[in-house]
């Protein structure tokens, strides 16, 4: 993820991704979307306005065409849903990493998608998922599992 992309995510979610000297990248991005100079102390009072102005850029990150080739890119549920498949090893739904909205805070959880719904526990369905991506492959140590 580039520093500009981190600034966009930071503006939309409020999660600090650029610190130290790199905070100025975020600061410049905020000034650009607000169309005026912004004092650092003002930013805390402008949280909702900054989020609203950065929404299109955030959604553009999530809907980047390269998301089809790059599993690290988020895919909004409004664009498409994952395939409904059963994992042949566990005979369970496939797992995905999801971003959901709860009480104004965005978080990432591991969900299972199946029957057209998001599940995050036995019998617990959640329709507040806004974006998803496949879980990464588990880390494997070289030579492990060989006989």
Protein backbone atom coordinates (compact mmCIF):
# COMPACT_ATOMS: atom_id res chain seq x y z
CA UNK A 1 0.00 0.00 0.00
CA UNK A 2 1.39 3.39 -0.93
CA UNK A 3 1.61 6.30 1.51
CA UNK A 4 -1.12 8.09 -0.47
CA UNK A 5 -3.38 5.04 -0.08
CA UNK A 6 -2.58 4.96 3.65
CA UNK A 7 -3.58 8.64 3.86
CA UNK A 8 -6.91 7.84 2.19
CA UNK A 9 -7.62 4.92 4.53
CA UNK A 10 -6.56 7.05 7.49
CA UNK A 11 -8.89 9.88 6.47
CA UNK A 12 -11.86 7.57 5.98
CA UNK A 13 -11.42 5.21 8.94
CA UNK A 14 -9.61 7.39 11.47
CA UNK A 15 -7.04 4.66 12.02
CA UNK A 16 -3.55 6.18 12.15
CA UNK A 17 -1.35 4.69 9.43
CA UNK A 18 1.19 7.50 8.91
CA UNK A 19 3.28 8.78 11.81
CA UNK A 20 6.38 10.90 12.27
CA UNK A 21 7.56 12.63 9.11
CA UNK A 22 5.00 10.72 7.03
CA UNK A 23 2.08 12.40 8.84
CA UNK A 24 2.60 15.36 6.51
CA UNK A 25 1.39 13.15 3.62
CA UNK A 26 -1.92 12.69 5.45
CA UNK A 27 -2.04 16.39 6.34
CA UNK A 28 -1.55 17.41 2.68
CA UNK A 29 -4.22 14.92 1.54
CA UNK A 30 -6.71 16.41 4.02
CA UNK A 31 -5.92 19.93 2.85
CA UNK A 32 -6.38 18.82 -0.77
CA UNK A 33 -9.80 17.25 -0.21
CA UNK A 34 -10.98 20.10 2.02
CA UNK A 35 -9.76 22.72 -0.47
CA UNK A 36 -8.04 24.91 2.11
CA UNK A 37 -5.18 24.94 4.61
CA UNK A 38 -5.99 22.95 7.76
CA UNK A 39 -4.24 23.38 11.11
CA UNK A 40 -3.37 20.05 12.69
CA UNK A 41 -5.47 20.80 15.79
CA UNK A 42 -8.54 21.33 13.55
CA UNK A 43 -8.50 17.77 12.23
CA UNK A 44 -10.02 16.27 15.37
CA UNK A 45 -13.05 18.53 15.07
CA UNK A 46 -13.47 17.74 11.37
CA UNK A 47 -13.55 13.93 11.62
CA UNK A 48 -16.94 13.46 9.96
CA UNK A 49 -16.32 16.05 7.25
CA UNK A 50 -12.92 14.50 6.42
CA UNK A 51 -14.52 11.06 6.26
CA UNK A 52 -17.27 12.29 3.94
CA UNK A 53 -14.79 14.05 1.61
CA UNK A 54 -12.50 10.98 1.46
CA UNK A 55 -15.28 8.44 0.87
CA UNK A 56 -15.01 8.41 -2.94
CA UNK A 57 -11.23 7.91 -2.78
CA UNK A 58 -11.68 5.11 -0.21
CA UNK A 59 -14.29 3.35 -2.35
CA UNK A 60 -12.02 3.75 -5.40
CA UNK A 61 -9.28 1.93 -3.46
CA UNK A 62 -11.70 -0.87 -2.67
CA UNK A 63 -12.95 -1.16 -6.24
CA UNK A 64 -9.57 -0.93 -7.95
CA UNK A 65 -9.71 -3.16 -11.04
CA UNK A 66 -6.48 -4.80 -9.91
CA UNK A 67 -8.39 -6.28 -6.97
CA UNK A 68 -9.26 -9.22 -9.20
CA UNK A 69 -5.56 -10.07 -9.51
CA UNK A 70 -4.43 -8.76 -6.12
CA UNK A 71 -5.96 -10.56 -3.13
CA UNK A 72 -4.80 -7.75 -0.81
CA UNK A 73 -7.32 -5.33 -2.36
CA UNK A 74 -10.72 -4.98 -0.73
CA UNK A 75 -13.80 -5.73 -2.83
CA UNK A 76 -17.00 -3.88 -1.82
CA UNK A 77 -20.06 -6.10 -1.43
CA UNK A 78 -21.88 -3.60 -3.67
CA UNK A 79 -19.47 -4.56 -6.48
CA UNK A 80 -19.70 -8.32 -6.06
CA UNK A 81 -19.97 -11.06 -3.49
CA UNK A 82 -17.57 -13.97 -3.13
CA UNK A 83 -18.49 -17.28 -4.65
CA UNK A 84 -20.64 -19.54 -2.52
CA UNK A 85 -18.48 -22.63 -2.25
CA UNK A 86 -17.97 -25.34 0.28
CA UNK A 87 -14.40 -25.92 1.43
CA UNK A 88 -13.73 -29.55 0.40
CA UNK A 89 -11.32 -30.12 3.30
CA UNK A 90 -13.45 -28.81 6.17
CA UNK A 91 -16.81 -29.26 4.43
CA UNK A 92 -17.62 -25.77 5.63
CA UNK A 93 -18.13 -22.39 3.97
CA UNK A 94 -15.08 -20.63 2.55
CA UNK A 95 -13.57 -18.03 4.85
CA UNK A 96 -13.00 -14.40 3.90
CA UNK A 97 -11.59 -11.36 5.64
CA UNK A 98 -14.24 -8.66 5.89
CA UNK A 99 -14.62 -5.03 6.80
CA UNK A 100 -17.84 -4.18 8.54
CA UNK A 101 -19.41 -1.12 10.11
CA UNK A 102 -20.34 -1.21 13.77
CA UNK A 103 -20.94 1.86 15.92
CA UNK A 104 -19.01 4.08 13.50
CA UNK A 105 -15.81 1.99 13.75
CA UNK A 106 -14.46 -0.17 10.96
CA UNK A 107 -12.86 -3.45 11.88
CA UNK A 108 -11.61 -6.57 10.16
CA UNK A 109 -12.84 -10.01 11.06
CA UNK A 110 -12.64 -13.46 9.55
CA UNK A 111 -16.04 -14.45 8.24
CA UNK A 112 -17.49 -17.39 6.40
CA UNK A 113 -19.67 -16.74 3.37
CA UNK A 114 -22.33 -19.19 2.36
CA UNK A 115 -26.02 -19.36 1.52
CA UNK A 116 -25.73 -15.71 0.45
CA UNK A 117 -24.97 -14.54 4.02
CA UNK A 118 -21.97 -13.63 6.16
CA UNK A 119 -21.45 -15.78 9.27
CA UNK A 120 -19.02 -15.00 12.08
CA UNK A 121 -19.89 -17.74 14.50
CA UNK A 122 -22.12 -20.78 14.78
CA UNK A 123 -25.55 -19.55 13.76
CA UNK A 124 -24.55 -15.86 13.96
CA UNK A 125 -25.31 -14.00 10.73
CA UNK A 126 -24.11 -10.45 10.06
CA UNK A 127 -25.34 -8.36 7.13
CA UNK A 128 -23.23 -5.29 8.01
CA UNK A 129 -20.22 -6.42 5.95
CA UNK A 130 -19.26 -3.69 3.47
CA UNK A 131 -16.14 -5.17 1.81
CA UNK A 132 -14.28 -8.49 1.66
CA UNK A 133 -11.15 -10.24 0.38
CA UNK A 134 -9.96 -13.83 0.41
CA UNK A 135 -7.93 -14.86 3.43
CA UNK A 136 -4.23 -15.11 2.67
CA UNK A 137 -2.56 -18.49 2.38
CA UNK A 138 -1.27 -19.71 5.76
CA UNK A 139 2.45 -19.26 6.34
CA UNK A 140 4.37 -22.45 5.69
CA UNK A 141 7.88 -23.26 6.86
CA UNK A 142 10.07 -24.67 4.10
CA UNK A 143 10.46 -28.41 4.37
CA UNK A 144 7.59 -28.78 6.85
CA UNK A 145 5.20 -31.57 6.04
CA UNK A 146 7.61 -33.51 3.89
CA UNK A 147 8.26 -37.09 4.88
